[in-house]
Amino acid sequence: MIRSALRATAAVAMALCVLAPIAAGAQAWPTKPVKFIVPYPPGGSTDPMARLIAAKLSDSLGQPFVVENRSGASGTIGTAFVAKSPADGYTFIFVFDYHAVNPFLMPNLPFDTVKDLAPVTLIGTAPMAIATAAGKPYKSFVDVVAAAKVKPGAVSIGSVGNGSLGHLTMVLVQQASGIRLIHIPYKGGGPMTADAVGGQIDLAIGSVAVITPHVTGGKLRAIAVTGDARSRALPDVPALAEQGLPGFSALAWWAVFAPAGVPKPVIDKFHAELVKAFNLPDVRKLLTETLGIDLVVSPPEGLAQWLETQMQRWGKVVRENNIRAD
């Protein structure tokens, strides 16, 4: 009995000895510059978000937080870099919704999306917007459905690429509406909106952040948003759920991950600092008013659950429709 108690005491002491340096390291973290990897080119929604947060954390924690763009292959090049980085709390990645779809579009990824990355926080979500040139005849998505039923395959819609959330969303919309549209994939929101403004395509689907400036400038007319409710960025634009697709919702999202194995105390401290940063007035204004994002800033477990549901939903769409990357 005494020996058992002694063994138990010794085991607890050993565990405390192991955990003590980790706790001390988390308390001191960061002691050197921290990398924020953005796996997309500058100019999208993720890049300015990461740069703003990096500046805030540099101020609050006294160490440089450096944003590094490692773009290519729909974000998988930068993600692979982070997945293979040391799990020391000095490399993190900002991703958006492509992250949950890439494993199904590119089955030979050099990393495991779930096992090789540790969730930190789901930053927020936002509906996408469907828009048309000011000179086009479509005043609502109901008009699009009517036109597509008269002439199947005559109405075109652009997205930021094969397998993008916009593309997959429109696959579901077509199935639910019983229509067929011509999908035109682009390599980014810039060329897509340029062609939409110029009338080369009938419709474009993209993030509210990409579409709204062209709507406020009078060059595009937004006819629907893809959430189950209206967007605060486009409050006069009805959701698809109001236009014949009750309950329909598809949301863009942004999140932060770390390499798997980063000590939990470090993740927890980093998450706490992110919560503070995302609640600063100028940060909230950029994200909610300019980018149209509904802030979540979930705990790590919330992001893990969100990723699982997104992978299940969009992986099924990719498989059932035999969709491939560009």
Protein backbone atom coordinates (compact mmCIF):
# COMPACT_ATOMS: atom_id res chain seq x y z
CA MET A 1 0.00 0.00 0.00
CA ILE A 2 2.79 2.37 1.01
CA ARG A 3 4.80 1.38 -2.09
CA SER A 4 1.80 2.08 -4.30
CA ALA A 5 1.34 5.46 -2.71
CA LEU A 6 5.02 6.23 -3.15
CA ARG A 7 4.92 5.17 -6.79
CA ALA A 8 1.87 7.37 -7.38
CA THR A 9 3.57 10.29 -5.67
CA ALA A 10 6.69 9.77 -7.77
CA ALA A 11 4.61 9.64 -10.96
CA VAL A 12 2.91 12.91 -10.07
CA ALA A 13 6.26 14.49 -9.28
CA MET A 14 7.68 13.35 -12.62
CA ALA A 15 4.66 14.71 -14.48
CA LEU A 16 5.04 18.04 -12.72
CA CYS A 17 8.72 18.12 -13.64
CA VAL A 18 7.80 17.55 -17.29
CA LEU A 19 5.00 20.12 -17.27
CA ALA A 20 6.88 22.81 -15.35
CA PRO A 21 9.22 23.76 -18.24
CA ILE A 22 6.26 23.81 -20.64
CA ALA A 23 4.27 26.10 -18.35
CA ALA A 24 7.32 28.31 -17.85
CA GLY A 25 7.90 28.42 -21.60
CA ALA A 26 4.29 29.41 -22.24
CA GLN A 27 4.53 32.15 -19.65
CA ALA A 28 7.63 33.56 -21.34
CA TRP A 29 6.35 33.09 -24.90
CA PRO A 30 7.17 34.78 -27.20
CA THR A 31 10.89 35.37 -26.75
CA LYS A 32 11.67 35.83 -30.46
CA PRO A 33 9.85 36.83 -33.69
CA VAL A 34 6.71 34.89 -34.60
CA LYS A 35 5.79 34.04 -38.21
CA PHE A 36 2.28 34.43 -39.54
CA ILE A 37 2.07 32.48 -42.79
CA VAL A 38 -0.57 33.60 -45.28
CA PRO A 39 -0.76 30.90 -47.96
CA TYR A 40 -2.33 33.24 -50.53
CA PRO A 41 -1.07 36.27 -52.49
CA PRO A 42 -1.29 39.77 -51.00
CA GLY A 43 -4.51 41.63 -51.68
CA GLY A 44 -7.14 39.12 -50.60
CA SER A 45 -9.13 39.22 -47.37
CA THR A 46 -6.75 37.05 -45.34
CA ASP A 47 -3.62 39.13 -45.95
CA PRO A 48 -4.81 42.49 -44.52
CA MET A 49 -6.41 40.68 -41.59
CA ALA A 50 -3.16 38.90 -40.72
CA ARG A 51 -1.14 42.11 -41.06
CA LEU A 52 -3.45 44.08 -38.81
CA ILE A 53 -3.43 41.38 -36.12
CA ALA A 54 0.35 41.00 -36.42
CA ALA A 55 0.81 44.70 -35.70
CA LYS A 56 -1.47 44.52 -32.66
CA LEU A 57 0.30 41.47 -31.21
CA SER A 58 3.72 43.01 -31.83
CA ASP A 59 2.61 45.97 -29.73
CA SER A 60 1.05 43.94 -26.94
CA LEU A 61 3.65 41.17 -26.63
CA GLY A 62 6.83 43.07 -27.43
CA GLN A 63 8.08 40.74 -30.16
CA PRO A 64 7.77 41.11 -33.94
CA PHE A 65 4.93 39.18 -35.55
CA VAL A 66 5.94 38.92 -39.20
CA VAL A 67 3.50 38.14 -42.03
CA GLU A 68 4.97 35.98 -44.78
CA ASN A 69 3.06 35.17 -47.99
CA ARG A 70 3.75 31.63 -49.24
CA SER A 71 1.13 31.32 -51.95
CA GLY A 72 0.42 28.68 -54.54
CA ALA A 73 -1.72 25.61 -55.21
CA SER A 74 -4.84 27.05 -53.50
CA GLY A 75 -2.98 27.62 -50.26
CA THR A 76 -1.45 24.17 -49.94
CA ILE A 77 2.18 25.27 -50.41
CA GLY A 78 2.08 27.58 -47.40
CA THR A 79 0.04 25.08 -45.40
CA ALA A 80 2.59 22.32 -46.06
CA PHE A 81 5.33 24.66 -44.83
CA VAL A 82 3.51 25.23 -41.54
CA ALA A 83 2.58 21.57 -41.10
CA LYS A 84 6.28 20.69 -41.30
CA SER A 85 7.49 23.59 -39.12
CA PRO A 86 8.73 23.06 -35.54
CA ALA A 87 5.91 22.84 -33.01
CA ASP A 88 7.45 25.57 -30.87
CA GLY A 89 4.81 28.30 -31.08
CA TYR A 90 6.71 30.51 -33.51
CA THR A 91 4.88 29.65 -36.73
CA PHE A 92 1.13 30.00 -37.32
CA ILE A 93 -1.06 30.11 -40.42
CA PHE A 94 -4.11 32.19 -41.39
CA VAL A 95 -6.40 30.28 -43.77
CA PHE A 96 -9.83 30.62 -45.30
CA ASP A 97 -12.46 28.21 -46.55
CA TYR A 98 -10.35 26.56 -49.28
CA HIS A 99 -8.58 24.82 -46.38
CA ALA A 100 -11.48 22.41 -45.84
CA VAL A 101 -11.90 21.60 -49.54
CA ASN A 102 -8.29 21.06 -50.64
CA PRO A 103 -8.00 17.50 -49.22
CA PHE A 104 -10.77 16.42 -51.60
CA LEU A 105 -9.62 18.41 -54.63
CA MET A 106 -5.99 17.32 -54.20
CA PRO A 107 -5.89 13.89 -52.56
CA ASN A 108 -2.07 13.66 -52.59
CA LEU A 109 -1.41 16.60 -50.29
CA PRO A 110 1.96 16.44 -48.47
CA PHE A 111 0.21 16.90 -45.13
CA ASP A 112 -2.86 15.73 -43.24
CA THR A 113 -5.29 18.62 -42.80
CA VAL A 114 -6.58 17.30 -39.47
CA LYS A 115 -3.59 15.49 -37.94
CA ASP A 116 -0.73 17.82 -38.91
CA LEU A 117 -2.28 21.12 -37.83
CA ALA A 118 -3.57 22.23 -34.44
CA PRO A 119 -6.66 24.48 -34.35
CA VAL A 120 -6.28 27.86 -32.65
CA THR A 121 -9.42 29.86 -33.49
CA LEU A 122 -12.24 30.26 -35.99
CA ILE A 123 -11.95 34.00 -36.61
CA GLY A 124 -15.34 34.46 -38.22
CA THR A 125 -17.71 33.75 -41.07
CA ALA A 126 -19.38 35.72 -43.83
CA PRO A 127 -21.88 35.02 -46.59
CA MET A 128 -20.81 35.33 -50.19
CA ALA A 129 -22.56 37.67 -52.60
CA ILE A 130 -23.92 36.95 -56.07
CA ALA A 131 -23.75 40.00 -58.33
CA THR A 132 -24.35 41.04 -61.92
CA ALA A 133 -23.34 44.00 -64.06
CA ALA A 134 -25.53 47.06 -63.74
CA GLY A 135 -26.60 46.68 -67.35
CA LYS A 136 -27.71 43.04 -67.07
CA PRO A 137 -31.44 42.27 -66.77
CA TYR A 138 -31.30 40.28 -63.50
CA LYS A 139 -32.79 42.15 -60.55
CA SER A 140 -33.00 39.13 -58.22
CA PHE A 141 -31.93 35.51 -58.10
CA VAL A 142 -35.52 34.59 -58.95
CA ASP A 143 -34.90 36.31 -62.32
CA VAL A 144 -31.79 34.17 -62.83
CA VAL A 145 -33.72 30.97 -62.15
CA ALA A 146 -36.46 32.00 -64.58
CA ALA A 147 -33.95 32.84 -67.34
CA ALA A 148 -31.97 29.63 -66.80
CA LYS A 149 -35.11 27.52 -67.06
CA VAL A 150 -36.07 29.15 -70.36
CA LYS A 151 -32.56 28.66 -71.78
CA PRO A 152 -30.63 26.00 -69.81
CA GLY A 153 -26.88 26.65 -69.91
CA ALA A 154 -27.23 30.17 -71.30
CA VAL A 155 -26.48 32.05 -68.06
CA SER A 156 -22.84 32.16 -66.93
CA ILE A 157 -21.41 32.61 -63.46
CA GLY A 158 -17.81 33.23 -62.48
CA SER A 159 -16.04 32.09 -59.33
CA VAL A 160 -12.48 32.37 -58.06
CA GLY A 161 -11.68 28.84 -59.23
CA ASN A 162 -12.74 25.21 -59.56
CA GLY A 163 -13.47 23.84 -56.12
CA SER A 164 -13.72 27.28 -54.52
CA LEU A 165 -16.50 27.72 -52.00
CA GLY A 166 -18.34 29.92 -54.50
CA HIS A 167 -18.18 27.19 -57.13
CA LEU A 168 -19.33 24.46 -54.73
CA THR A 169 -22.11 26.69 -53.40
CA MET A 170 -23.45 27.26 -56.89
CA VAL A 171 -23.40 23.51 -57.53
CA LEU A 172 -25.77 23.08 -54.59
CA VAL A 173 -27.86 26.08 -55.66
CA GLN A 174 -28.30 24.68 -59.16
CA GLN A 175 -29.31 21.29 -57.80
CA ALA A 176 -31.82 22.86 -55.40
CA SER A 177 -33.23 25.21 -58.06
CA GLY A 178 -33.33 22.71 -60.92
CA ILE A 179 -31.29 24.94 -63.24
CA ARG A 180 -28.00 24.70 -65.15
CA LEU A 181 -25.52 27.57 -65.29
CA ILE A 182 -22.20 27.82 -67.12
CA HIS A 183 -19.36 27.96 -64.58
CA ILE A 184 -16.40 30.18 -65.49
CA PRO A 185 -13.43 29.66 -63.11
CA TYR A 186 -10.98 32.53 -62.56
CA LYS A 187 -7.66 32.74 -60.77
CA GLY A 188 -8.74 35.28 -58.19
CA GLY A 189 -11.39 37.85 -57.38
CA GLY A 190 -9.77 40.66 -59.38
CA PRO A 191 -10.11 39.17 -62.87
CA MET A 192 -13.51 37.71 -62.01
CA THR A 193 -15.01 41.04 -60.94
CA ALA A 194 -13.37 42.82 -63.88
CA ASP A 195 -15.17 40.50 -66.30
CA ALA A 196 -18.41 40.81 -64.34
CA VAL A 197 -18.24 44.62 -64.46
CA GLY A 198 -17.45 44.45 -68.18
CA GLY A 199 -20.40 42.14 -68.85
CA GLN A 200 -18.28 39.24 -70.12
CA ILE A 201 -20.03 37.00 -67.60
CA ASP A 202 -23.63 37.26 -66.42
CA LEU A 203 -22.98 36.66 -62.72
CA ALA A 204 -20.13 36.50 -60.24
CA ILE A 205 -20.02 34.89 -56.81
CA GLY A 206 -17.41 36.00 -54.32
CA SER A 207 -16.83 37.14 -50.79
CA VAL A 208 -18.75 40.17 -49.61
CA ALA A 209 -15.37 41.91 -49.25
CA VAL A 210 -14.64 41.39 -52.96
CA ILE A 211 -18.11 42.22 -54.31
CA THR A 212 -19.26 45.11 -52.09
CA PRO A 213 -16.86 47.84 -53.36
CA HIS A 214 -18.13 47.31 -56.91
CA VAL A 215 -21.73 47.41 -55.68
CA THR A 216 -21.26 50.66 -53.76
CA GLY A 217 -19.45 52.06 -56.80
CA GLY A 218 -22.49 51.32 -58.97
CA LYS A 219 -20.71 48.93 -61.33
CA LEU A 220 -22.26 45.73 -60.00
CA ARG A 221 -25.70 44.95 -58.62
CA ALA A 222 -25.84 42.38 -55.81
CA ILE A 223 -28.87 40.14 -56.17
CA ALA A 224 -28.37 37.61 -53.36
CA VAL A 225 -26.19 36.63 -50.41
CA THR A 226 -25.54 33.01 -49.47
CA GLY A 227 -26.09 33.10 -45.71
CA ASP A 228 -29.35 32.17 -44.03
CA ALA A 229 -29.81 35.88 -43.26
CA ARG A 230 -28.84 39.17 -44.84
CA SER A 231 -25.34 40.56 -44.56
CA ARG A 232 -24.65 43.69 -42.54
CA ALA A 233 -22.43 44.80 -45.44
CA LEU A 234 -25.34 44.50 -47.91
CA PRO A 235 -28.47 44.87 -45.77
CA ASP A 236 -30.78 45.54 -48.72
CA VAL A 237 -29.80 42.36 -50.57
CA PRO A 238 -32.01 39.33 -49.83
CA ALA A 239 -30.51 35.97 -48.93
CA LEU A 240 -31.03 32.96 -51.17
CA ALA A 241 -33.15 31.60 -48.33
CA GLU A 242 -35.60 34.43 -49.10
CA GLN A 243 -35.62 33.66 -52.83
CA GLY A 244 -36.94 30.14 -53.10
CA LEU A 245 -34.22 28.25 -51.19
CA PRO A 246 -35.48 28.14 -47.57
CA GLY A 247 -32.82 27.16 -45.05
CA PHE A 248 -29.97 27.45 -47.54
CA SER A 249 -26.69 28.72 -46.12
CA ALA A 250 -23.06 28.65 -47.28
CA LEU A 251 -20.50 30.73 -45.43
CA ALA A 252 -16.97 31.79 -46.17
CA TRP A 253 -14.71 31.55 -43.10
CA TRP A 254 -11.27 32.43 -41.77
CA ALA A 255 -9.19 30.63 -39.14
CA VAL A 256 -5.79 30.29 -37.47
CA PHE A 257 -3.88 27.02 -37.10
CA ALA A 258 -0.51 25.96 -35.68
CA PRO A 259 1.71 22.96 -36.39
CA ALA A 260 0.45 19.93 -34.49
CA GLY A 261 2.21 19.44 -31.18
CA VAL A 262 2.51 23.05 -30.05
CA PRO A 263 2.14 22.91 -26.23
CA LYS A 264 -1.39 23.64 -25.05
CA PRO A 265 -0.29 26.45 -22.68
CA VAL A 266 1.25 28.26 -25.67
CA ILE A 267 -1.90 27.77 -27.75
CA ASP A 268 -4.02 29.01 -24.86
CA LYS A 269 -1.89 32.12 -24.35
CA PHE A 270 -1.87 32.87 -28.07
CA HIS A 271 -5.63 32.41 -28.25
CA ALA A 272 -6.16 34.78 -25.33
CA GLU A 273 -4.05 37.43 -27.08
CA LEU A 274 -6.00 36.92 -30.31
CA VAL A 275 -9.28 37.46 -28.45
CA LYS A 276 -7.95 40.78 -27.16
CA ALA A 277 -6.70 41.83 -30.60
CA PHE A 278 -9.90 40.95 -32.45
CA ASN A 279 -11.93 42.94 -29.94
CA LEU A 280 -10.01 46.17 -30.50
CA PRO A 281 -12.33 48.79 -32.07
CA ASP A 282 -10.29 49.38 -35.25
CA VAL A 283 -9.91 45.63 -35.84
CA ARG A 284 -13.62 45.00 -35.36
CA LYS A 285 -14.43 47.88 -37.72
CA LEU A 286 -12.21 46.49 -40.51
CA LEU A 287 -13.56 42.98 -40.18
CA THR A 288 -17.24 43.68 -39.63
CA GLU A 289 -17.81 46.85 -41.67
CA THR A 290 -15.22 46.62 -44.45
CA LEU A 291 -14.96 42.84 -44.90
CA GLY A 292 -18.49 41.97 -43.75
CA ILE A 293 -17.28 39.27 -41.36
CA ASP A 294 -19.30 38.07 -38.38
CA LEU A 295 -16.65 37.63 -35.70
CA VAL A 296 -16.56 34.34 -33.76
CA VAL A 297 -13.01 34.02 -32.33
CA SER A 298 -13.84 30.52 -31.08
CA PRO A 299 -11.76 28.40 -28.71
CA PRO A 300 -9.60 25.76 -30.44
CA GLU A 301 -12.25 23.08 -29.91
CA GLY A 302 -14.80 25.20 -31.74
CA LEU A 303 -12.55 25.43 -34.78
CA ALA A 304 -11.94 21.68 -34.72
CA GLN A 305 -15.70 21.04 -34.80
CA TRP A 306 -16.27 23.65 -37.52
CA LEU A 307 -13.53 22.17 -39.72
CA GLU A 308 -15.05 18.71 -39.36
CA THR A 309 -18.50 19.88 -40.47
CA GLN A 310 -17.08 21.87 -43.40
CA MET A 311 -14.98 18.95 -44.61
CA GLN A 312 -17.95 16.61 -44.43
CA ARG A 313 -20.27 18.97 -46.31
CA TRP A 314 -17.97 20.16 -49.09
CA GLY A 315 -16.08 16.89 -49.46
CA LYS A 316 -19.39 15.25 -50.34
CA VAL A 317 -20.11 17.92 -52.99
CA VAL A 318 -16.66 17.44 -54.54
CA ARG A 319 -16.95 13.64 -54.62
CA GLU A 320 -20.52 13.46 -55.91
CA ASN A 321 -19.85 15.97 -58.71
CA ASN A 322 -16.37 14.74 -59.62
CA ILE A 323 -14.86 18.20 -59.18
CA ARG A 324 -11.12 18.67 -59.70
CA ALA A 325 -8.75 21.53 -58.99
CA ASP A 326 -7.82 23.89 -61.84
